[in-house]
Amino acid sequence: EKFRTLKNEGNDFVKKGKYDEAVNKYSECLKLNTKDCTIYTNRALCYLRLYKYEEAKQDCDHVLQIEDSNIKAFYRRALAYKGLQVRKKNMAGI
């Protein structure tokens, strides 16, 4: 029950564009249940919006270990890799 409440609060924060707050709610969810793939992919989305590509990639990697055909995890991991590549290019250009 508490898990569902936290998840819904996290989802509401995402809708409002409050990604830091959403990450906190999803992280709380994971303390209660580490097997819910949706929480990881939701948190990965937040990390992507916050330009935290490494964290997003780690969440997606975790999901794919549990559920190797999770499309959202593949897609968001690809976005994370893309973000990391862009960052690397920008660092090299400085």
Protein backbone atom coordinates (compact mmCIF):
# COMPACT_ATOMS: atom_id res chain seq x y z
CA GLU A 1 0.00 0.00 0.00
CA LYS A 2 2.76 2.44 0.98
CA PHE A 3 4.61 1.37 -2.17
CA ARG A 4 1.67 2.28 -4.39
CA THR A 5 1.24 5.65 -2.67
CA LEU A 6 4.93 6.50 -3.14
CA LYS A 7 4.82 5.40 -6.78
CA ASN A 8 1.76 7.59 -7.45
CA GLU A 9 3.41 10.55 -5.73
CA GLY A 10 6.49 10.01 -7.89
CA ASN A 11 4.35 9.87 -11.03
CA ASP A 12 2.61 13.11 -10.02
CA PHE A 13 5.98 14.83 -9.58
CA VAL A 14 7.02 13.66 -13.07
CA LYS A 15 3.85 15.16 -14.57
CA LYS A 16 4.71 18.46 -12.88
CA GLY A 17 8.31 18.32 -14.12
CA LYS A 18 9.68 17.96 -10.57
CA TYR A 19 12.20 15.25 -11.40
CA ASP A 20 14.37 15.51 -8.27
CA GLU A 21 11.33 14.98 -6.07
CA ALA A 22 10.19 12.08 -8.27
CA VAL A 23 13.62 10.41 -7.99
CA ASN A 24 13.31 10.60 -4.19
CA LYS A 25 9.85 8.96 -4.24
CA TYR A 26 10.96 6.20 -6.63
CA SER A 27 14.05 5.56 -4.50
CA GLU A 28 11.78 5.18 -1.46
CA CYS A 29 9.71 2.66 -3.46
CA LEU A 30 12.81 0.62 -4.20
CA LYS A 31 13.54 0.32 -0.48
CA LEU A 32 10.20 -1.50 -0.21
CA ASN A 33 10.40 -3.53 -3.45
CA THR A 34 13.55 -3.96 -5.54
CA LYS A 35 11.86 -6.18 -8.16
CA ASP A 36 9.48 -3.63 -9.71
CA CYS A 37 10.91 -2.79 -13.14
CA THR A 38 8.52 0.11 -13.68
CA ILE A 39 10.06 2.04 -10.80
CA TYR A 40 13.53 1.69 -12.31
CA THR A 41 12.41 2.80 -15.78
CA ASN A 42 10.47 5.72 -14.27
CA ARG A 43 13.50 6.76 -12.24
CA ALA A 44 15.69 6.38 -15.33
CA LEU A 45 13.40 8.82 -17.15
CA CYS A 46 13.88 11.34 -14.33
CA TYR A 47 17.65 10.88 -14.42
CA LEU A 48 17.62 11.49 -18.18
CA ARG A 49 15.68 14.73 -17.70
CA LEU A 50 18.21 15.74 -15.03
CA TYR A 51 21.13 14.90 -17.38
CA LYS A 52 22.28 12.17 -14.98
CA TYR A 53 23.03 9.72 -17.77
CA GLU A 54 25.20 7.30 -15.80
CA GLU A 55 22.48 6.83 -13.17
CA ALA A 56 19.86 6.36 -15.88
CA LYS A 57 22.02 3.73 -17.59
CA GLN A 58 22.50 1.85 -14.30
CA ASP A 59 18.74 1.73 -13.64
CA CYS A 60 18.11 0.44 -17.17
CA ASP A 61 20.89 -2.15 -16.86
CA HIS A 62 19.25 -3.36 -13.66
CA VAL A 63 15.85 -3.73 -15.33
CA LEU A 64 17.36 -5.64 -18.26
CA GLN A 65 18.95 -8.12 -15.84
CA ILE A 66 15.49 -8.88 -14.45
CA GLU A 67 13.49 -8.53 -17.67
CA ASP A 68 15.69 -8.79 -20.77
CA SER A 69 12.98 -7.70 -23.21
CA ASN A 70 11.86 -4.49 -21.48
CA ILE A 71 11.48 -2.00 -24.34
CA LYS A 72 11.41 1.10 -22.13
CA ALA A 73 14.66 0.05 -20.48
CA PHE A 74 16.34 -0.51 -23.87
CA TYR A 75 15.09 2.83 -25.18
CA ARG A 76 16.05 4.83 -22.10
CA ARG A 77 19.43 3.11 -21.87
CA ALA A 78 20.05 4.14 -25.49
CA LEU A 79 19.17 7.74 -24.58
CA ALA A 80 21.56 7.53 -21.63
CA TYR A 81 24.37 6.25 -23.87
CA LYS A 82 23.64 9.05 -26.33
CA GLY A 83 23.79 11.61 -23.52
CA LEU A 84 27.08 10.19 -22.29
CA GLN A 85 28.52 10.33 -25.83
CA VAL A 86 27.48 13.95 -26.28
CA ARG A 87 28.95 14.84 -22.90
CA LYS A 88 32.22 13.10 -23.80
CA LYS A 89 32.42 15.01 -27.10
CA ASN A 90 31.72 18.30 -25.33
CA MET A 91 34.43 17.58 -22.74
CA ALA A 92 36.91 16.76 -25.51
CA GLY A 93 36.07 20.02 -27.26
CA ILE A 94 36.84 22.21 -24.26
